[in-house]
Amino acid sequence: MTNARLHEFAAVDCSADPGAFARYLDEVTQTAGLLPLKRQTYAMMALRPGDHVLDVGCGVGDDVRAMAALVGHEGRAVGIDSSEHLIGVARERSVASDLPCEFRVGLAERLEFDDESFDAVRAERTLQHVAEAGGAVAEMIRVLRPGGRLVCFEPDWDLQVFDTRDPDLMRRICTFRSGEMASGGVGRSLRGRFLAGGLSDVQVVPMAGVLTDLRVTEALMGLRATVDAARERGVVTSVEAASWWAELETADRAGRFFAASVAFLVNGRKPAA
């Protein structure tokens, strides 16, 4: 388990241990079983040899390399991320590859590309870390060519539940967690933002994730750190924090731990000129 806190992805390079975020991304991809989801996003973009594709918030570059294999040497796969450290890791991991991969440091809300530069654009678990999420969506639409597809997968942190005895306490902790994110409720806004940006054929696939292991939940979400932060900010008392965590541990030992969250996979097409 890494010591990266999810909401700190908005400022990876300011962290005392930027490497923890690369380790977190590797761990989550395996632990959460994200590979089928990633392949689904590639399929939604209908990538073909020769296409130019952009991954916004590319992290360590796994998706860029996978998409480069799909577009081939005639195509172009570009990844941007706000973290110089993560872009450095992505470049290092791509050195041995002869695929058309390109990595740049950049901001989702200010893409440094010309209008209509890409045949497809994707963002996965990125906009939750962007305060100007609406601006980021508008930028992704701007650089998309007519007929191209935009695909985004984002959680909605207000749609998270735990099986506990005190629903009010659970709601306070979950609401605090959502508020820690730059755009904790971005998932629900994607359809509206796609439509406002002029995209057509907008489709929304709600995806529920279920967790039945406290250790895995902690690895994915940094849940204990969230509870501690809620206590430090006065959202919950020390007694409430200790009691809630003890209840989760008891349920986990008994095989009864349960948590669930909802995310949205949204795709749309830019109309042909």
Protein backbone atom coordinates (compact mmCIF):
# COMPACT_ATOMS: atom_id res chain seq x y z
CA MET A 1 0.00 0.00 0.00
CA THR A 2 1.36 3.43 -0.92
CA ASN A 3 1.19 6.61 1.11
CA ALA A 4 -0.32 8.67 -1.73
CA ARG A 5 -3.56 10.45 -0.84
CA LEU A 6 -6.03 10.57 -3.70
CA HIS A 7 -6.90 14.27 -3.50
CA GLU A 8 -3.20 15.18 -3.65
CA PHE A 9 -2.98 14.08 -7.30
CA ALA A 10 -3.78 17.71 -8.10
CA ALA A 11 -0.25 18.61 -6.92
CA VAL A 12 1.96 15.53 -7.28
CA ASP A 13 5.20 17.45 -7.75
CA CYS A 14 4.68 19.34 -4.49
CA SER A 15 4.56 16.09 -2.54
CA ALA A 16 7.43 14.92 -0.33
CA ASP A 17 7.29 11.60 -2.20
CA PRO A 18 6.13 12.02 -5.83
CA GLY A 19 7.10 8.42 -6.51
CA ALA A 20 4.27 7.27 -4.26
CA PHE A 21 1.78 8.43 -6.89
CA ALA A 22 3.36 6.32 -9.64
CA ARG A 23 3.29 3.33 -7.29
CA TYR A 24 -0.35 4.08 -6.47
CA LEU A 25 -1.33 4.10 -10.14
CA ASP A 26 0.39 0.76 -10.70
CA GLU A 27 -1.27 -0.72 -7.62
CA VAL A 28 -4.76 0.52 -8.46
CA THR A 29 -4.62 -0.76 -12.04
CA GLN A 30 -3.98 -4.26 -10.70
CA THR A 31 -6.01 -4.21 -7.48
CA ALA A 32 -9.12 -2.58 -8.94
CA GLY A 33 -9.06 -4.64 -12.14
CA LEU A 34 -9.11 -1.57 -14.39
CA LEU A 35 -7.77 -3.21 -17.55
CA PRO A 36 -11.24 -4.20 -18.91
CA LEU A 37 -12.46 -0.63 -18.34
CA LYS A 38 -9.45 0.80 -20.13
CA ARG A 39 -10.02 -1.50 -23.11
CA GLN A 40 -13.67 -0.41 -23.15
CA THR A 41 -12.63 3.23 -23.49
CA TYR A 42 -10.35 2.37 -26.40
CA ALA A 43 -13.22 0.53 -28.11
CA MET A 44 -15.57 3.49 -27.61
CA MET A 45 -13.10 5.74 -29.41
CA ALA A 46 -13.07 3.30 -32.36
CA LEU A 47 -9.33 3.80 -32.85
CA ARG A 48 -7.90 2.87 -36.22
CA PRO A 49 -4.37 2.72 -37.66
CA GLY A 50 -3.21 6.23 -38.46
CA ASP A 51 -5.39 7.99 -35.88
CA HIS A 52 -4.10 10.73 -33.61
CA VAL A 53 -5.26 10.20 -30.01
CA LEU A 54 -4.80 12.23 -26.81
CA ASP A 55 -4.87 10.94 -23.22
CA VAL A 56 -5.50 13.77 -20.72
CA GLY A 57 -4.03 12.99 -17.31
CA CYS A 58 -1.92 10.15 -18.64
CA GLY A 59 -0.05 9.37 -15.40
CA VAL A 60 2.67 6.80 -16.04
CA GLY A 61 1.60 6.36 -19.67
CA ASP A 62 0.07 2.86 -19.70
CA ASP A 63 -2.91 3.94 -21.80
CA VAL A 64 -0.81 5.97 -24.22
CA ARG A 65 1.35 2.93 -24.93
CA ALA A 66 -1.72 0.71 -25.34
CA MET A 67 -3.35 3.17 -27.74
CA ALA A 68 -0.10 3.64 -29.67
CA ALA A 69 -0.23 -0.07 -30.45
CA LEU A 70 -3.74 0.42 -31.86
CA VAL A 71 -2.98 3.45 -34.06
CA GLY A 72 0.34 2.03 -35.25
CA HIS A 73 3.35 3.78 -36.69
CA GLU A 74 1.19 5.83 -39.03
CA GLY A 75 -0.64 7.29 -36.04
CA ARG A 76 0.20 9.36 -32.99
CA ALA A 77 -0.55 8.77 -29.30
CA VAL A 78 0.03 11.72 -26.97
CA GLY A 79 -0.28 11.87 -23.20
CA ILE A 80 -0.29 14.98 -21.03
CA ASP A 81 -0.15 15.28 -17.26
CA SER A 82 0.31 18.17 -14.87
CA SER A 83 3.08 16.28 -13.04
CA GLU A 84 6.64 16.47 -14.33
CA HIS A 85 7.49 13.43 -12.21
CA LEU A 86 4.77 11.23 -13.72
CA ILE A 87 5.64 12.38 -17.24
CA GLY A 88 9.25 11.46 -16.51
CA VAL A 89 8.19 7.97 -15.43
CA ALA A 90 6.03 7.63 -18.56
CA ARG A 91 8.96 8.56 -20.79
CA GLU A 92 11.33 6.17 -18.99
CA ARG A 93 8.89 3.30 -19.38
CA SER A 94 8.51 4.02 -23.09
CA VAL A 95 12.22 4.16 -23.99
CA ALA A 96 12.37 0.55 -25.13
CA SER A 97 9.24 0.90 -27.26
CA ASP A 98 9.26 1.86 -30.93
CA LEU A 99 5.59 2.87 -30.73
CA PRO A 100 4.52 6.46 -31.61
CA CYS A 101 4.27 7.69 -28.00
CA GLU A 102 4.68 11.31 -26.98
CA PHE A 103 4.46 12.75 -23.45
CA ARG A 104 4.14 16.36 -22.37
CA VAL A 105 3.66 18.26 -19.13
CA GLY A 106 0.45 20.25 -19.45
CA LEU A 107 -2.85 21.27 -17.91
CA ALA A 108 -6.18 19.73 -18.88
CA GLU A 109 -7.88 23.12 -18.76
CA ARG A 110 -5.30 24.73 -21.10
CA LEU A 111 -4.32 22.22 -23.76
CA GLU A 112 -1.39 23.41 -25.87
CA PHE A 113 -2.63 21.92 -29.13
CA ASP A 114 -4.24 23.42 -32.20
CA ASP A 115 -7.96 23.14 -32.80
CA GLU A 116 -9.07 19.81 -34.25
CA SER A 117 -5.71 18.08 -33.71
CA PHE A 118 -6.95 14.64 -32.62
CA ASP A 119 -9.27 11.95 -33.90
CA ALA A 120 -10.06 10.82 -30.34
CA VAL A 121 -9.53 12.13 -26.80
CA ARG A 122 -9.91 10.37 -23.46
CA ALA A 123 -9.63 11.19 -19.76
CA GLU A 124 -9.85 8.57 -17.04
CA ARG A 125 -10.12 9.53 -13.36
CA THR A 126 -8.52 12.86 -14.22
CA LEU A 127 -11.21 15.55 -14.05
CA GLN A 128 -11.89 14.81 -10.38
CA HIS A 129 -8.51 16.47 -9.75
CA VAL A 130 -9.21 19.55 -11.92
CA ALA A 131 -10.92 22.53 -10.30
CA GLU A 132 -11.94 23.91 -13.72
CA ALA A 133 -13.43 20.62 -14.95
CA GLY A 134 -15.82 22.41 -17.29
CA GLY A 135 -12.95 24.23 -18.92
CA ALA A 136 -11.06 20.96 -19.33
CA VAL A 137 -14.01 19.34 -21.12
CA ALA A 138 -14.33 22.37 -23.39
CA GLU A 139 -10.61 22.13 -24.23
CA MET A 140 -10.86 18.43 -25.06
CA ILE A 141 -13.76 19.17 -27.38
CA ARG A 142 -11.81 22.03 -29.00
CA VAL A 143 -8.85 19.82 -29.97
CA LEU A 144 -11.13 17.03 -31.24
CA ARG A 145 -11.63 16.74 -34.98
CA PRO A 146 -15.15 16.65 -36.46
CA GLY A 147 -16.41 13.08 -36.32
CA GLY A 148 -14.03 12.24 -33.47
CA ARG A 149 -15.02 10.87 -30.07
CA LEU A 150 -14.42 12.06 -26.54
CA VAL A 151 -14.51 9.45 -23.76
CA CYS A 152 -14.34 10.25 -20.04
CA PHE A 153 -14.56 8.01 -17.00
CA GLU A 154 -15.02 9.80 -13.68
CA PRO A 155 -16.28 8.90 -10.21
CA ASP A 156 -18.89 10.83 -8.27
CA TRP A 157 -17.64 10.87 -4.69
CA ASP A 158 -21.03 11.90 -3.32
CA LEU A 159 -22.29 8.49 -4.47
CA GLN A 160 -20.30 6.41 -2.01
CA VAL A 161 -21.69 4.28 0.82
CA PHE A 162 -20.46 2.02 3.61
CA ASP A 163 -22.47 -0.56 5.53
CA THR A 164 -22.26 0.96 9.02
CA ARG A 165 -24.60 1.41 11.96
CA ASP A 166 -24.51 5.22 11.89
CA PRO A 167 -25.60 6.56 8.49
CA ASP A 168 -25.28 10.19 9.57
CA LEU A 169 -21.63 9.68 10.56
CA MET A 170 -20.98 7.86 7.29
CA ARG A 171 -22.50 10.72 5.30
CA ARG A 172 -20.39 13.31 7.09
CA ILE A 173 -17.19 11.40 6.34
CA CYS A 174 -18.14 10.71 2.72
CA THR A 175 -19.20 14.33 2.14
CA PHE A 176 -15.90 15.48 3.61
CA ARG A 177 -14.04 13.12 1.31
CA SER A 178 -15.89 14.42 -1.75
CA GLY A 179 -15.11 17.98 -0.73
CA GLU A 180 -11.39 17.23 -0.52
CA MET A 181 -11.34 16.54 -4.25
CA ALA A 182 -11.00 19.42 -6.69
CA SER A 183 -14.19 18.26 -8.47
CA GLY A 184 -15.63 15.45 -6.38
CA GLY A 185 -19.00 15.46 -8.16
CA VAL A 186 -17.74 15.79 -11.72
CA GLY A 187 -19.10 12.40 -12.83
CA ARG A 188 -22.71 13.53 -12.77
CA SER A 189 -21.91 16.69 -14.77
CA LEU A 190 -20.27 15.03 -17.76
CA ARG A 191 -23.38 14.44 -19.86
CA GLY A 192 -24.44 18.06 -19.51
CA ARG A 193 -20.97 19.34 -20.30
CA PHE A 194 -20.70 17.11 -23.39
CA LEU A 195 -24.05 18.37 -24.67
CA ALA A 196 -23.21 22.00 -23.88
CA GLY A 197 -20.03 21.56 -25.90
CA GLY A 198 -21.99 20.50 -28.95
CA LEU A 199 -21.28 16.76 -28.88
CA SER A 200 -23.88 14.36 -30.25
CA ASP A 201 -24.64 10.68 -29.66
CA VAL A 202 -23.80 11.20 -25.99
CA GLN A 203 -24.02 7.95 -24.05
CA VAL A 204 -23.70 7.43 -20.29
CA VAL A 205 -22.81 4.12 -18.67
CA PRO A 206 -23.12 4.12 -14.85
CA MET A 207 -20.65 1.75 -13.22
CA ALA A 208 -20.91 0.63 -9.60
CA GLY A 209 -17.82 -0.58 -7.80
CA VAL A 210 -18.15 -2.89 -4.80
CA LEU A 211 -15.44 -3.44 -2.19
CA THR A 212 -15.57 -6.17 0.44
CA ASP A 213 -12.03 -5.94 1.80
CA LEU A 214 -10.96 -3.09 4.09
CA ARG A 215 -7.28 -3.47 3.18
CA VAL A 216 -8.04 -3.09 -0.52
CA THR A 217 -10.33 -0.15 0.19
CA GLU A 218 -7.58 1.54 2.17
CA ALA A 219 -5.09 0.94 -0.64
CA LEU A 220 -7.43 2.40 -3.25
CA MET A 221 -8.85 5.32 -1.29
CA GLY A 222 -6.53 6.15 1.60
CA LEU A 223 -9.61 5.83 3.76
CA ARG A 224 -7.88 5.98 7.14
CA ALA A 225 -6.15 9.23 6.20
CA THR A 226 -9.54 10.65 5.22
CA VAL A 227 -11.05 9.72 8.58
CA ASP A 228 -8.07 11.25 10.39
CA ALA A 229 -8.34 14.45 8.35
CA ALA A 230 -12.09 14.67 9.06
CA ARG A 231 -11.29 14.41 12.76
CA GLU A 232 -8.57 17.07 12.55
CA ARG A 233 -10.95 19.45 10.74
CA GLY A 234 -13.69 18.94 13.33
CA VAL A 235 -16.07 17.19 10.93
CA VAL A 236 -16.20 14.24 13.34
CA THR A 237 -15.06 13.90 16.93
CA SER A 238 -12.16 11.73 18.02
CA VAL A 239 -14.62 9.30 19.58
CA GLU A 240 -16.68 9.11 16.38
CA ALA A 241 -13.60 8.59 14.21
CA ALA A 242 -12.26 5.81 16.43
CA SER A 243 -15.66 4.16 16.72
CA TRP A 244 -16.32 4.24 12.96
CA TRP A 245 -12.93 2.81 12.09
CA ALA A 246 -13.27 0.10 14.75
CA GLU A 247 -16.64 -0.84 13.27
CA LEU A 248 -15.12 -1.20 9.80
CA GLU A 249 -12.31 -3.37 11.16
CA THR A 250 -14.76 -5.56 13.08
CA ALA A 251 -16.92 -6.02 9.98
CA ASP A 252 -13.84 -6.82 7.90
CA ARG A 253 -12.64 -9.50 10.34
CA ALA A 254 -16.11 -11.05 10.24
CA GLY A 255 -16.19 -11.00 6.44
CA ARG A 256 -19.03 -8.45 6.42
CA PHE A 257 -17.24 -5.31 5.23
CA PHE A 258 -19.07 -3.61 2.37
CA ALA A 259 -18.51 -0.36 0.49
CA ALA A 260 -19.76 0.79 -2.90
CA SER A 261 -19.29 3.78 -5.17
CA VAL A 262 -20.60 4.94 -8.54
CA ALA A 263 -18.67 6.27 -11.52
CA PHE A 264 -19.80 7.30 -15.00
CA LEU A 265 -18.35 6.32 -18.37
CA VAL A 266 -19.46 8.94 -20.89
CA ASN A 267 -18.72 9.24 -24.59
CA GLY A 268 -19.85 11.57 -27.33
CA ARG A 269 -19.06 12.45 -30.94
CA LYS A 270 -18.13 15.82 -32.37
CA PRO A 271 -20.46 16.43 -35.31
CA ALA A 272 -18.90 16.47 -38.75
CA ALA A 273 -18.48 19.94 -40.18
